[in-house]
Amino acid sequence: MDGTRVALVTGGSRGIGAATALRLAEDGMDVALTYVGDGAAAAEVAAGIEALGRRALVVRADAGDAEQAAACVTQTVDRFGRIDVLVNNAGVGVLGPLEELGTAEVDRVLAVNVRGAFLTARAAAGPMGAGGRIISVGSCVTQRVPGPGCTLYTMSKSALIGLTKALARELGGRGITANVVHPGPVDTDMNPAGGPFAGPQAAMTALGRFAAAREVAAVVSFLAGDDAVYVTGAEFAVDGGHAA
């Protein structure tokens, strides 16, 4: 074992997850990433990590599956011998009027966004040593709900705030920190800055624009690095002033 720090980024095949995986590799970490459907995109991210001189591991794992949510940690430790940073990024969003949301949709969102994050964090906490970091990706809607139709998604992402604060208390004595990052509108393939609903979203920010995924990844990088050793149980808005 060479002492290189190891990160696991769930949902790391695209968007914020992909940008985060690459940024942590730039920071000198070996990186494991999970994906569900697009293996080619995950392989492309892995190739980018390796081009930076770091080792990569791609794991197909659905955060909504209880066994897979924990198994990705086991596979990371088996491959690299350790885990130092967990980025709980995998998530799904279902928007719509409260009365039209079906039980299956509720179960799916909570399974991925809440239970999956909890189970992955629980699995990572065991082998994680002093200096470990658990960073969850929340949402700006936990700070300011932009309008109707966001109840289920907001509830699920708000749970990450409680998870983060509790993990900070539970793991602080072991030198492990836990924090949550709340992105605002981010230019991704799921929510492009040139999409039909982009204008109103950008207008709700103080800066009047979408973020690039790398701008969110930069804050995750800070929280995973040495300068954030005394930061835990905290929320970081990377939202362009959405909550201002």
C-alpha atoms as a PDB file:
ATOM      1  CA  MET A   1       0.000   0.000   0.000  1.00  0.00           C
ATOM      2  CA  ASP A   2       1.578   3.303  -1.109  1.00  0.00           C
ATOM      3  CA  GLY A   3      -0.407   5.706   1.044  1.00  0.00           C
ATOM      4  CA  THR A   4      -2.313   7.245  -1.850  1.00  0.00           C
ATOM      5  CA  ARG A   5      -5.735   8.378  -0.701  1.00  0.00           C
ATOM      6  CA  VAL A   6      -8.740   6.643  -2.231  1.00  0.00           C
ATOM      7  CA  ALA A   7     -12.121   8.163  -3.061  1.00  0.00           C
ATOM      8  CA  LEU A   8     -15.428   6.575  -3.996  1.00  0.00           C
ATOM      9  CA  VAL A   9     -17.859   8.731  -5.967  1.00  0.00           C
ATOM     10  CA  THR A  10     -21.331   7.275  -6.390  1.00  0.00           C
ATOM     11  CA  GLY A  11     -23.080   8.248  -9.600  1.00  0.00           C
ATOM     12  CA  GLY A  12     -19.709   9.209 -11.024  1.00  0.00           C
ATOM     13  CA  SER A  13     -20.321   8.603 -14.708  1.00  0.00           C
ATOM     14  CA  ARG A  14     -21.685  12.028 -15.620  1.00  0.00           C
ATOM     15  CA  GLY A  15     -22.462  15.541 -14.462  1.00  0.00           C
ATOM     16  CA  ILE A  16     -21.330  16.576 -10.985  1.00  0.00           C
ATOM     17  CA  GLY A  17     -20.198  13.035 -10.198  1.00  0.00           C
ATOM     18  CA  ALA A  18     -17.912  12.811 -13.226  1.00  0.00           C
ATOM     19  CA  ALA A  19     -16.444  16.267 -12.603  1.00  0.00           C
ATOM     20  CA  THR A  20     -15.846  15.334  -8.967  1.00  0.00           C
ATOM     21  CA  ALA A  21     -14.172  12.023  -9.818  1.00  0.00           C
ATOM     22  CA  LEU A  22     -11.792  13.784 -12.200  1.00  0.00           C
ATOM     23  CA  ARG A  23     -11.071  16.621  -9.767  1.00  0.00           C
ATOM     24  CA  LEU A  24     -10.210  14.197  -6.954  1.00  0.00           C
ATOM     25  CA  ALA A  25      -7.894  12.380  -9.350  1.00  0.00           C
ATOM     26  CA  GLU A  26      -6.245  15.724 -10.128  1.00  0.00           C
ATOM     27  CA  ASP A  27      -5.814  16.103  -6.377  1.00  0.00           C
ATOM     28  CA  GLY A  28      -3.800  12.884  -6.369  1.00  0.00           C
ATOM     29  CA  MET A  29      -6.387  10.316  -5.322  1.00  0.00           C
ATOM     30  CA  ASP A  30      -7.185   6.937  -6.802  1.00  0.00           C
ATOM     31  CA  VAL A  31     -10.894   6.958  -7.591  1.00  0.00           C
ATOM     32  CA  ALA A  32     -13.688   4.393  -7.736  1.00  0.00           C
ATOM     33  CA  LEU A  33     -16.947   5.447  -9.319  1.00  0.00           C
ATOM     34  CA  THR A  34     -20.340   3.841  -9.668  1.00  0.00           C
ATOM     35  CA  TYR A  35     -22.858   3.955 -12.467  1.00  0.00           C
ATOM     36  CA  VAL A  36     -26.191   2.328 -13.263  1.00  0.00           C
ATOM     37  CA  GLY A  37     -26.945   2.538 -16.970  1.00  0.00           C
ATOM     38  CA  ASP A  38     -24.199   4.133 -19.042  1.00  0.00           C
ATOM     39  CA  GLY A  39     -21.122   1.954 -18.842  1.00  0.00           C
ATOM     40  CA  ALA A  40     -19.471   3.751 -21.745  1.00  0.00           C
ATOM     41  CA  ALA A  41     -19.673   7.094 -19.953  1.00  0.00           C
ATOM     42  CA  ALA A  42     -18.256   5.531 -16.791  1.00  0.00           C
ATOM     43  CA  ALA A  43     -15.387   4.016 -18.776  1.00  0.00           C
ATOM     44  CA  GLU A  44     -14.650   7.426 -20.292  1.00  0.00           C
ATOM     45  CA  VAL A  45     -14.387   8.980 -16.839  1.00  0.00           C
ATOM     46  CA  ALA A  46     -12.131   6.122 -15.719  1.00  0.00           C
ATOM     47  CA  ALA A  47      -9.905   6.728 -18.743  1.00  0.00           C
ATOM     48  CA  GLY A  48      -9.676  10.384 -17.742  1.00  0.00           C
ATOM     49  CA  ILE A  49      -8.641   9.405 -14.223  1.00  0.00           C
ATOM     50  CA  GLU A  50      -5.939   7.091 -15.552  1.00  0.00           C
ATOM     51  CA  ALA A  51      -4.715   9.785 -17.946  1.00  0.00           C
ATOM     52  CA  LEU A  52      -4.028  11.856 -14.835  1.00  0.00           C
ATOM     53  CA  GLY A  53      -1.780   9.088 -13.550  1.00  0.00           C
ATOM     54  CA  ARG A  54      -4.189   7.707 -10.985  1.00  0.00           C
ATOM     55  CA  ARG A  55      -5.873   4.321 -10.697  1.00  0.00           C
ATOM     56  CA  ALA A  56      -9.575   3.959 -11.452  1.00  0.00           C
ATOM     57  CA  LEU A  57     -12.265   1.421 -10.635  1.00  0.00           C
ATOM     58  CA  VAL A  58     -15.692   1.309 -12.265  1.00  0.00           C
ATOM     59  CA  VAL A  59     -18.481  -0.437 -10.337  1.00  0.00           C
ATOM     60  CA  ARG A  60     -21.987  -0.997 -11.615  1.00  0.00           C
ATOM     61  CA  ALA A  61     -24.126  -0.327  -8.558  1.00  0.00           C
ATOM     62  CA  ASP A  62     -27.649   0.979  -8.083  1.00  0.00           C
ATOM     63  CA  ALA A  63     -27.809   3.093  -4.936  1.00  0.00           C
ATOM     64  CA  GLY A  64     -31.460   2.141  -4.639  1.00  0.00           C
ATOM     65  CA  ASP A  65     -30.509  -1.509  -4.138  1.00  0.00           C
ATOM     66  CA  ALA A  66     -29.575  -2.081  -0.492  1.00  0.00           C
ATOM     67  CA  GLU A  67     -26.935  -4.720  -1.216  1.00  0.00           C
ATOM     68  CA  GLN A  68     -25.345  -2.829  -4.089  1.00  0.00           C
ATOM     69  CA  ALA A  69     -25.231   0.421  -2.117  1.00  0.00           C
ATOM     70  CA  ALA A  70     -22.930  -1.208   0.417  1.00  0.00           C
ATOM     71  CA  ALA A  71     -21.102  -3.581  -1.940  1.00  0.00           C
ATOM     72  CA  CYS A  72     -19.511  -0.736  -3.906  1.00  0.00           C
ATOM     73  CA  VAL A  73     -17.574   0.167  -0.761  1.00  0.00           C
ATOM     74  CA  THR A  74     -16.394  -3.415  -0.337  1.00  0.00           C
ATOM     75  CA  GLN A  75     -15.232  -3.534  -3.949  1.00  0.00           C
ATOM     76  CA  THR A  76     -13.360  -0.258  -3.523  1.00  0.00           C
ATOM     77  CA  VAL A  77     -11.527  -1.497  -0.440  1.00  0.00           C
ATOM     78  CA  ASP A  78     -10.800  -4.861  -2.073  1.00  0.00           C
ATOM     79  CA  ARG A  79      -9.268  -3.110  -5.086  1.00  0.00           C
ATOM     80  CA  PHE A  80      -7.319  -0.326  -3.387  1.00  0.00           C
ATOM     81  CA  GLY A  81      -6.918  -1.553   0.188  1.00  0.00           C
ATOM     82  CA  ARG A  82      -8.584   1.483   1.752  1.00  0.00           C
ATOM     83  CA  ILE A  83     -11.217   4.203   1.437  1.00  0.00           C
ATOM     84  CA  ASP A  84     -10.567   7.759   2.573  1.00  0.00           C
ATOM     85  CA  VAL A  85     -13.272   9.827   0.883  1.00  0.00           C
ATOM     86  CA  LEU A  86     -16.873   8.968   0.103  1.00  0.00           C
ATOM     87  CA  VAL A  87     -18.886  11.301  -2.116  1.00  0.00           C
ATOM     88  CA  ASN A  88     -22.563  10.396  -1.934  1.00  0.00           C
ATOM     89  CA  ASN A  89     -23.572  11.853  -5.290  1.00  0.00           C
ATOM     90  CA  ALA A  90     -25.968   9.262  -6.747  1.00  0.00           C
ATOM     91  CA  GLY A  91     -29.505  10.593  -6.833  1.00  0.00           C
ATOM     92  CA  VAL A  92     -32.769  10.670  -8.700  1.00  0.00           C
ATOM     93  CA  GLY A  93     -35.322  13.415  -9.020  1.00  0.00           C
ATOM     94  CA  VAL A  94     -39.060  13.047  -9.521  1.00  0.00           C
ATOM     95  CA  LEU A  95     -41.003  16.284  -9.759  1.00  0.00           C
ATOM     96  CA  GLY A  96     -44.746  16.701  -9.958  1.00  0.00           C
ATOM     97  CA  PRO A  97     -47.873  17.664  -8.040  1.00  0.00           C
ATOM     98  CA  LEU A  98     -48.075  16.072  -4.618  1.00  0.00           C
ATOM     99  CA  GLU A  99     -51.332  14.272  -5.292  1.00  0.00           C
ATOM    100  CA  GLU A 100     -50.025  12.744  -8.508  1.00  0.00           C
ATOM    101  CA  LEU A 101     -46.920  11.080  -7.052  1.00  0.00           C
ATOM    102  CA  GLY A 102     -47.330   7.329  -6.816  1.00  0.00           C
ATOM    103  CA  THR A 103     -46.034   5.097  -4.056  1.00  0.00           C
ATOM    104  CA  ALA A 104     -43.524   3.490  -6.419  1.00  0.00           C
ATOM    105  CA  GLU A 105     -42.032   6.905  -7.212  1.00  0.00           C
ATOM    106  CA  VAL A 106     -41.828   7.781  -3.529  1.00  0.00           C
ATOM    107  CA  ASP A 107     -40.130   4.488  -2.734  1.00  0.00           C
ATOM    108  CA  ARG A 108     -37.612   4.865  -5.557  1.00  0.00           C
ATOM    109  CA  VAL A 109     -36.581   8.411  -4.649  1.00  0.00           C
ATOM    110  CA  LEU A 110     -36.200   7.600  -0.966  1.00  0.00           C
ATOM    111  CA  ALA A 111     -34.360   4.350  -1.727  1.00  0.00           C
ATOM    112  CA  VAL A 112     -31.729   6.104  -3.838  1.00  0.00           C
ATOM    113  CA  ASN A 113     -31.447   9.537  -2.247  1.00  0.00           C
ATOM    114  CA  VAL A 114     -31.826   8.590   1.418  1.00  0.00           C
ATOM    115  CA  ARG A 115     -31.405   4.893   2.118  1.00  0.00           C
ATOM    116  CA  GLY A 116     -28.640   4.494  -0.448  1.00  0.00           C
ATOM    117  CA  ALA A 117     -26.663   7.401   0.994  1.00  0.00           C
ATOM    118  CA  PHE A 118     -27.083   6.038   4.524  1.00  0.00           C
ATOM    119  CA  LEU A 119     -26.066   2.498   3.623  1.00  0.00           C
ATOM    120  CA  THR A 120     -23.038   3.590   1.619  1.00  0.00           C
ATOM    121  CA  ALA A 121     -21.913   5.893   4.423  1.00  0.00           C
ATOM    122  CA  ARG A 122     -22.398   3.128   6.981  1.00  0.00           C
ATOM    123  CA  ALA A 123     -20.353   0.724   4.889  1.00  0.00           C
ATOM    124  CA  ALA A 124     -17.578   3.279   4.351  1.00  0.00           C
ATOM    125  CA  ALA A 125     -17.359   4.325   7.989  1.00  0.00           C
ATOM    126  CA  GLY A 126     -16.069   0.910   9.054  1.00  0.00           C
ATOM    127  CA  PRO A 127     -12.815   0.794   7.059  1.00  0.00           C
ATOM    128  CA  MET A 128     -12.361   4.586   6.989  1.00  0.00           C
ATOM    129  CA  GLY A 129      -9.611   5.862   9.241  1.00  0.00           C
ATOM    130  CA  ALA A 130      -8.707   9.219  10.774  1.00  0.00           C
ATOM    131  CA  GLY A 131      -8.782  11.917   8.127  1.00  0.00           C
ATOM    132  CA  GLY A 132     -11.701  10.252   6.376  1.00  0.00           C
ATOM    133  CA  ARG A 133     -14.327  12.412   4.682  1.00  0.00           C
ATOM    134  CA  ILE A 134     -17.985  11.755   3.904  1.00  0.00           C
ATOM    135  CA  ILE A 135     -19.416  14.363   1.556  1.00  0.00           C
ATOM    136  CA  SER A 136     -23.006  14.239   0.349  1.00  0.00           C
ATOM    137  CA  VAL A 137     -24.472  16.134  -2.578  1.00  0.00           C
ATOM    138  CA  GLY A 138     -27.738  17.734  -1.562  1.00  0.00           C
ATOM    139  CA  SER A 139     -29.636  20.431  -3.434  1.00  0.00           C
ATOM    140  CA  CYS A 140     -30.431  24.121  -3.357  1.00  0.00           C
ATOM    141  CA  VAL A 141     -34.105  23.214  -2.950  1.00  0.00           C
ATOM    142  CA  THR A 142     -33.384  22.324   0.678  1.00  0.00           C
ATOM    143  CA  GLN A 143     -32.586  26.003   1.266  1.00  0.00           C
ATOM    144  CA  ARG A 144     -35.255  27.585  -0.923  1.00  0.00           C
ATOM    145  CA  VAL A 145     -38.058  25.678  -2.612  1.00  0.00           C
ATOM    146  CA  PRO A 146     -38.540  27.310  -6.011  1.00  0.00           C
ATOM    147  CA  GLY A 147     -42.210  26.394  -6.452  1.00  0.00           C
ATOM    148  CA  PRO A 148     -44.807  23.631  -6.427  1.00  0.00           C
ATOM    149  CA  GLY A 149     -43.941  20.111  -7.494  1.00  0.00           C
ATOM    150  CA  CYS A 150     -40.728  19.745  -5.502  1.00  0.00           C
ATOM    151  CA  THR A 151     -42.036  18.125  -2.321  1.00  0.00           C
ATOM    152  CA  LEU A 152     -40.706  14.598  -2.779  1.00  0.00           C
ATOM    153  CA  TYR A 153     -37.301  15.636  -4.072  1.00  0.00           C
ATOM    154  CA  THR A 154     -36.910  18.339  -1.410  1.00  0.00           C
ATOM    155  CA  MET A 155     -37.815  15.898   1.354  1.00  0.00           C
ATOM    156  CA  SER A 156     -35.275  13.357   0.145  1.00  0.00           C
ATOM    157  CA  LYS A 157     -32.427  15.846  -0.187  1.00  0.00           C
ATOM    158  CA  SER A 158     -33.254  17.475   3.146  1.00  0.00           C
ATOM    159  CA  ALA A 159     -32.679  14.103   4.800  1.00  0.00           C
ATOM    160  CA  LEU A 160     -29.010  14.413   3.834  1.00  0.00           C
ATOM    161  CA  ILE A 161     -28.690  17.410   6.142  1.00  0.00           C
ATOM    162  CA  GLY A 162     -29.746  15.330   9.127  1.00  0.00           C
ATOM    163  CA  LEU A 163     -27.555  12.447   7.995  1.00  0.00           C
ATOM    164  CA  THR A 164     -24.559  14.771   7.714  1.00  0.00           C
ATOM    165  CA  LYS A 165     -24.973  16.365  11.134  1.00  0.00           C
ATOM    166  CA  ALA A 166     -25.471  12.997  12.809  1.00  0.00           C
ATOM    167  CA  LEU A 167     -22.462  11.465  11.059  1.00  0.00           C
ATOM    168  CA  ALA A 168     -20.349  14.436  12.151  1.00  0.00           C
ATOM    169  CA  ARG A 169     -21.244  13.731  15.778  1.00  0.00           C
ATOM    170  CA  GLU A 170     -20.955   9.963  15.493  1.00  0.00           C
ATOM    171  CA  LEU A 171     -17.640   9.851  13.640  1.00  0.00           C
ATOM    172  CA  GLY A 172     -15.909  13.011  14.827  1.00  0.00           C
ATOM    173  CA  GLY A 173     -14.137  11.199  17.639  1.00  0.00           C
ATOM    174  CA  ARG A 174     -12.429   9.054  15.016  1.00  0.00           C
ATOM    175  CA  GLY A 175     -11.221  12.063  13.039  1.00  0.00           C
ATOM    176  CA  ILE A 176     -13.776  11.584  10.242  1.00  0.00           C
ATOM    177  CA  THR A 177     -15.688  14.595   8.958  1.00  0.00           C
ATOM    178  CA  ALA A 178     -19.073  14.795   7.235  1.00  0.00           C
ATOM    179  CA  ASN A 179     -20.407  17.684   5.189  1.00  0.00           C
ATOM    180  CA  VAL A 180     -23.080  18.338   2.572  1.00  0.00           C
ATOM    181  CA  VAL A 181     -22.862  20.454  -0.591  1.00  0.00           C
ATOM    182  CA  HIS A 182     -26.002  22.017  -2.048  1.00  0.00           C
ATOM    183  CA  PRO A 183     -25.634  22.736  -5.782  1.00  0.00           C
ATOM    184  CA  GLY A 184     -27.902  25.170  -7.537  1.00  0.00           C
ATOM    185  CA  PRO A 185     -28.718  24.859 -11.246  1.00  0.00           C
ATOM    186  CA  VAL A 186     -25.814  23.023 -12.876  1.00  0.00           C
ATOM    187  CA  ASP A 187     -25.223  22.596 -16.598  1.00  0.00           C
ATOM    188  CA  THR A 188     -25.455  18.815 -17.132  1.00  0.00           C
ATOM    189  CA  ASP A 189     -27.008  16.527 -19.697  1.00  0.00           C
ATOM    190  CA  MET A 190     -30.006  16.077 -17.381  1.00  0.00           C
ATOM    191  CA  ASN A 191     -30.521  19.826 -16.906  1.00  0.00           C
ATOM    192  CA  PRO A 192     -28.698  21.709 -19.676  1.00  0.00           C
ATOM    193  CA  ALA A 193     -28.104  25.426 -19.392  1.00  0.00           C
ATOM    194  CA  GLY A 194     -29.690  25.781 -22.836  1.00  0.00           C
ATOM    195  CA  GLY A 195     -32.741  23.677 -22.032  1.00  0.00           C
ATOM    196  CA  PRO A 196     -36.372  24.796 -22.155  1.00  0.00           C
ATOM    197  CA  PHE A 197     -36.601  25.330 -18.385  1.00  0.00           C
ATOM    198  CA  ALA A 198     -33.171  26.889 -17.922  1.00  0.00           C
ATOM    199  CA  GLY A 199     -34.208  30.543 -18.081  1.00  0.00           C
ATOM    200  CA  PRO A 200     -36.379  30.588 -14.948  1.00  0.00           C
ATOM    201  CA  GLN A 201     -33.816  28.531 -13.025  1.00  0.00           C
ATOM    202  CA  ALA A 202     -30.967  30.885 -13.878  1.00  0.00           C
ATOM    203  CA  ALA A 203     -33.132  33.889 -13.037  1.00  0.00           C
ATOM    204  CA  MET A 204     -33.623  32.563  -9.499  1.00  0.00           C
ATOM    205  CA  THR A 205     -29.893  32.825  -8.803  1.00  0.00           C
ATOM    206  CA  ALA A 206     -28.156  36.048  -7.819  1.00  0.00           C
ATOM    207  CA  LEU A 207     -25.519  35.454 -10.498  1.00  0.00           C
ATOM    208  CA  GLY A 208     -28.082  34.821 -13.200  1.00  0.00           C
ATOM    209  CA  ARG A 209     -26.471  31.693 -14.616  1.00  0.00           C
ATOM    210  CA  PHE A 210     -25.987  27.955 -14.295  1.00  0.00           C
ATOM    211  CA  ALA A 211     -22.875  26.538 -12.655  1.00  0.00           C
ATOM    212  CA  ALA A 212     -20.400  24.336 -14.461  1.00  0.00           C
ATOM    213  CA  ALA A 213     -20.078  20.937 -12.795  1.00  0.00           C
ATOM    214  CA  ARG A 214     -16.421  21.654 -12.071  1.00  0.00           C
ATOM    215  CA  GLU A 215     -17.457  24.560  -9.830  1.00  0.00           C
ATOM    216  CA  VAL A 216     -19.320  22.167  -7.544  1.00  0.00           C
ATOM    217  CA  ALA A 217     -16.465  19.667  -7.744  1.00  0.00           C
ATOM    218  CA  ALA A 218     -14.070  22.364  -6.528  1.00  0.00           C
ATOM    219  CA  VAL A 219     -15.973  22.685  -3.252  1.00  0.00           C
ATOM    220  CA  VAL A 220     -16.040  18.903  -2.827  1.00  0.00           C
ATOM    221  CA  SER A 221     -12.287  18.954  -3.429  1.00  0.00           C
ATOM    222  CA  PHE A 222     -11.831  21.520  -0.664  1.00  0.00           C
ATOM    223  CA  LEU A 223     -13.872  19.450   1.786  1.00  0.00           C
ATOM    224  CA  ALA A 224     -11.881  16.339   0.891  1.00  0.00           C
ATOM    225  CA  GLY A 225      -8.550  18.117   1.319  1.00  0.00           C
ATOM    226  CA  ASP A 226      -6.237  19.022   4.172  1.00  0.00           C
ATOM    227  CA  ASP A 227      -7.535  22.582   4.541  1.00  0.00           C
ATOM    228  CA  ALA A 228     -10.976  21.340   5.653  1.00  0.00           C
ATOM    229  CA  VAL A 229      -9.766  19.163   8.507  1.00  0.00           C
ATOM    230  CA  TYR A 230     -11.743  21.236  11.056  1.00  0.00           C
ATOM    231  CA  VAL A 231     -14.911  21.515   8.974  1.00  0.00           C
ATOM    232  CA  THR A 232     -17.673  19.054   9.800  1.00  0.00           C
ATOM    233  CA  GLY A 233     -21.439  18.913  10.119  1.00  0.00           C
ATOM    234  CA  ALA A 234     -21.700  21.864   7.748  1.00  0.00           C
ATOM    235  CA  GLU A 235     -23.738  22.796   4.683  1.00  0.00           C
ATOM    236  CA  PHE A 236     -22.157  24.509   1.682  1.00  0.00           C
ATOM    237  CA  ALA A 237     -24.340  26.252  -0.888  1.00  0.00           C
ATOM    238  CA  VAL A 238     -22.812  26.271  -4.359  1.00  0.00           C
ATOM    239  CA  ASP A 239     -25.925  27.802  -5.826  1.00  0.00           C
ATOM    240  CA  GLY A 240     -25.034  31.173  -7.342  1.00  0.00           C
ATOM    241  CA  GLY A 241     -27.099  32.890  -4.668  1.00  0.00           C
ATOM    242  CA  HIS A 242     -30.255  30.818  -5.183  1.00  0.00           C
ATOM    243  CA  ALA A 243     -30.973  31.003  -1.456  1.00  0.00           C
ATOM    244  CA  ALA A 244     -29.999  34.673  -1.046  1.00  0.00           C
END
